[in-house]
């Protein structure tokens, strides 16, 4: 049985919470990717860069 909420690929498997295996979520109107939580991604969808071990770039091992 095909789910009427499918995004059009024909591969959607949507659980009771409206979440698909691909990461999209039913928002009541259409399937879409959820908004990123603050600090988890930049505007381009990539994760923020990791911070270096030392702020001044020096190795603390002596």
N, C-alpha and C. Protein backbone atom coordinates (compact mmCIF):
# COMPACT_ATOMS: atom_id res chain seq x y z
N UNK A 1 0.84 -1.19 0.00
CA UNK A 1 0.00 0.00 0.00
C UNK A 1 0.88 1.25 0.00
N UNK A 2 0.65 2.15 -0.95
CA UNK A 2 1.44 3.37 -1.05
C UNK A 2 0.91 4.43 -0.10
N UNK A 3 1.82 5.11 0.60
CA UNK A 3 1.46 6.16 1.54
C UNK A 3 1.22 7.45 0.77
N UNK A 4 0.09 8.11 0.97
CA UNK A 4 -0.24 9.34 0.25
C UNK A 4 0.69 10.49 0.63
N UNK A 5 1.45 10.35 1.72
CA UNK A 5 2.39 11.40 2.14
C UNK A 5 3.73 11.28 1.45
N UNK A 6 3.93 10.27 0.62
CA UNK A 6 5.21 10.04 -0.06
C UNK A 6 5.64 11.29 -0.82
N UNK A 7 6.94 11.57 -0.82
CA UNK A 7 7.48 12.77 -1.47
C UNK A 7 7.51 12.65 -2.99
N UNK A 8 7.17 11.50 -3.51
CA UNK A 8 7.13 11.32 -4.96
C UNK A 8 8.14 10.31 -5.47
N UNK A 9 9.07 9.88 -4.62
CA UNK A 9 10.09 8.92 -5.05
C UNK A 9 9.55 7.50 -5.08
N UNK A 10 8.49 7.26 -4.31
CA UNK A 10 7.95 5.91 -4.21
C UNK A 10 8.72 5.04 -3.24
N UNK A 11 9.67 5.63 -2.50
CA UNK A 11 10.49 4.86 -1.57
C UNK A 11 10.26 5.24 -0.11
N UNK A 12 9.31 6.11 0.15
CA UNK A 12 9.08 6.58 1.52
C UNK A 12 8.56 5.46 2.41
N UNK A 13 9.12 5.39 3.60
CA UNK A 13 8.63 4.52 4.66
C UNK A 13 8.44 5.45 5.86
N UNK A 14 7.20 5.83 6.12
CA UNK A 14 6.89 6.86 7.11
C UNK A 14 6.30 6.21 8.35
N UNK A 15 6.89 6.51 9.52
CA UNK A 15 6.41 5.92 10.77
C UNK A 15 5.22 6.70 11.33
N UNK A 16 4.73 6.27 12.49
CA UNK A 16 3.56 6.90 13.11
C UNK A 16 3.79 8.35 13.48
N UNK A 17 5.07 8.74 13.70
CA UNK A 17 5.40 10.12 14.07
C UNK A 17 5.58 11.02 12.84
N UNK A 18 5.41 10.46 11.63
CA UNK A 18 5.55 11.24 10.41
C UNK A 18 6.97 11.35 9.92
N UNK A 19 7.89 10.54 10.46
CA UNK A 19 9.29 10.58 10.05
C UNK A 19 9.55 9.49 9.03
N UNK A 20 10.25 9.87 7.96
CA UNK A 20 10.64 8.92 6.91
C UNK A 20 12.05 8.43 7.19
N UNK A 21 12.40 7.29 6.62
CA UNK A 21 13.75 6.74 6.81
C UNK A 21 14.82 7.67 6.25
N UNK A 22 14.47 8.54 5.28
CA UNK A 22 15.46 9.43 4.65
C UNK A 22 15.72 10.69 5.46
N UNK A 23 14.97 10.92 6.52
CA UNK A 23 15.18 12.10 7.36
C UNK A 23 14.11 13.16 7.19
N UNK A 24 13.28 13.04 6.16
CA UNK A 24 12.20 14.01 5.99
C UNK A 24 11.09 13.72 7.00
N UNK A 25 10.27 14.73 7.24
CA UNK A 25 9.18 14.62 8.20
C UNK A 25 7.93 15.24 7.61
N UNK A 26 6.78 14.62 7.89
CA UNK A 26 5.49 15.14 7.45
C UNK A 26 5.16 16.35 8.31
N UNK A 27 4.93 17.52 7.67
CA UNK A 27 4.63 18.73 8.44
C UNK A 27 3.13 19.04 8.47
N UNK A 28 2.31 18.10 8.02
CA UNK A 28 0.87 18.29 7.98
C UNK A 28 0.37 18.64 6.59
N UNK A 29 1.31 19.08 5.73
CA UNK A 29 0.98 19.44 4.36
C UNK A 29 1.82 18.68 3.35
N UNK A 30 3.12 18.55 3.67
CA UNK A 30 4.07 17.91 2.74
C UNK A 30 5.24 17.32 3.51
N UNK A 31 6.05 16.52 2.82
CA UNK A 31 7.27 15.99 3.40
C UNK A 31 8.36 17.05 3.24
N UNK A 32 9.12 17.29 4.31
CA UNK A 32 10.20 18.26 4.25
C UNK A 32 11.25 17.90 5.27
N UNK A 33 12.45 18.44 5.11
CA UNK A 33 13.50 18.21 6.09
C UNK A 33 13.30 19.15 7.26
N UNK A 34 13.45 18.65 8.49
CA UNK A 34 13.25 19.52 9.67
C UNK A 34 14.31 20.61 9.73
N UNK A 35 13.96 21.72 10.35
CA UNK A 35 14.90 22.82 10.56
C UNK A 35 16.00 22.35 11.50
N UNK A 36 17.27 22.72 11.24
CA UNK A 36 18.36 22.31 12.13
C UNK A 36 18.23 22.98 13.50
N UNK A 37 18.65 22.28 14.52
CA UNK A 37 18.67 22.83 15.88
C UNK A 37 19.88 23.75 15.97
N UNK A 38 19.74 24.90 16.66
CA UNK A 38 20.84 25.86 16.78
C UNK A 38 22.13 25.16 17.19
N UNK A 39 23.21 25.50 16.49
CA UNK A 39 24.52 24.96 16.82
C UNK A 39 24.83 23.64 16.13
N UNK A 40 23.87 23.03 15.45
CA UNK A 40 24.13 21.75 14.81
C UNK A 40 24.51 21.89 13.35
N UNK A 41 24.13 22.98 12.71
CA UNK A 41 24.45 23.16 11.29
C UNK A 41 24.49 24.63 10.95
N UNK A 42 25.30 24.95 9.95
CA UNK A 42 25.35 26.31 9.43
C UNK A 42 24.25 26.47 8.39
N UNK A 43 24.09 27.65 7.84
CA UNK A 43 23.08 27.92 6.85
C UNK A 43 23.20 27.08 5.59
N UNK A 44 24.41 26.59 5.30
CA UNK A 44 24.58 25.79 4.09
C UNK A 44 24.35 24.31 4.34
N UNK A 45 23.93 23.95 5.56
CA UNK A 45 23.62 22.56 5.86
C UNK A 45 24.80 21.75 6.36
N UNK A 46 25.97 22.37 6.50
CA UNK A 46 27.13 21.65 6.99
C UNK A 46 27.29 21.89 8.48
N UNK A 47 27.93 20.97 9.13
CA UNK A 47 28.19 21.11 10.57
C UNK A 47 29.23 22.20 10.79
N UNK A 48 29.17 22.90 11.93
CA UNK A 48 30.18 23.92 12.19
C UNK A 48 31.56 23.30 12.30
N UNK A 49 32.62 24.03 11.94
CA UNK A 49 33.97 23.46 12.01
C UNK A 49 34.35 23.15 13.45
N UNK A 50 35.17 22.11 13.61
CA UNK A 50 35.62 21.76 14.96
C UNK A 50 36.69 22.75 15.39
N UNK A 51 36.79 22.96 16.69
CA UNK A 51 37.76 23.90 17.23
C UNK A 51 39.09 23.20 17.41
N UNK A 52 40.18 23.93 17.19
CA UNK A 52 41.50 23.32 17.42
C UNK A 52 41.70 23.04 18.90
N UNK A 53 42.62 22.16 19.22
CA UNK A 53 42.90 21.77 20.60
C UNK A 53 43.34 22.97 21.43
N UNK A 54 44.09 23.88 20.83
CA UNK A 54 44.56 25.05 21.53
C UNK A 54 44.14 26.29 20.74
N UNK A 55 43.62 27.31 21.45
CA UNK A 55 43.15 28.51 20.78
C UNK A 55 44.30 29.27 20.12
N UNK A 56 45.51 29.19 20.67
CA UNK A 56 46.64 29.92 20.09
C UNK A 56 47.44 29.04 19.14
N UNK A 57 47.02 27.82 18.91
CA UNK A 57 47.67 26.95 17.95
C UNK A 57 48.90 26.25 18.46
N UNK A 58 49.27 26.49 19.72
CA UNK A 58 50.46 25.85 20.28
C UNK A 58 50.12 24.49 20.86
N UNK A 59 51.09 23.61 20.82
CA UNK A 59 50.92 22.29 21.42
C UNK A 59 51.23 22.43 22.91
N UNK A 60 50.31 22.01 23.76
CA UNK A 60 50.47 22.15 25.20
C UNK A 60 51.38 21.08 25.80
N UNK A 61 51.76 20.06 25.05
CA UNK A 61 52.65 19.02 25.57
C UNK A 61 54.07 19.56 25.63
N UNK A 62 54.76 19.37 26.75
CA UNK A 62 56.13 19.87 26.91
C UNK A 62 57.08 18.74 27.14
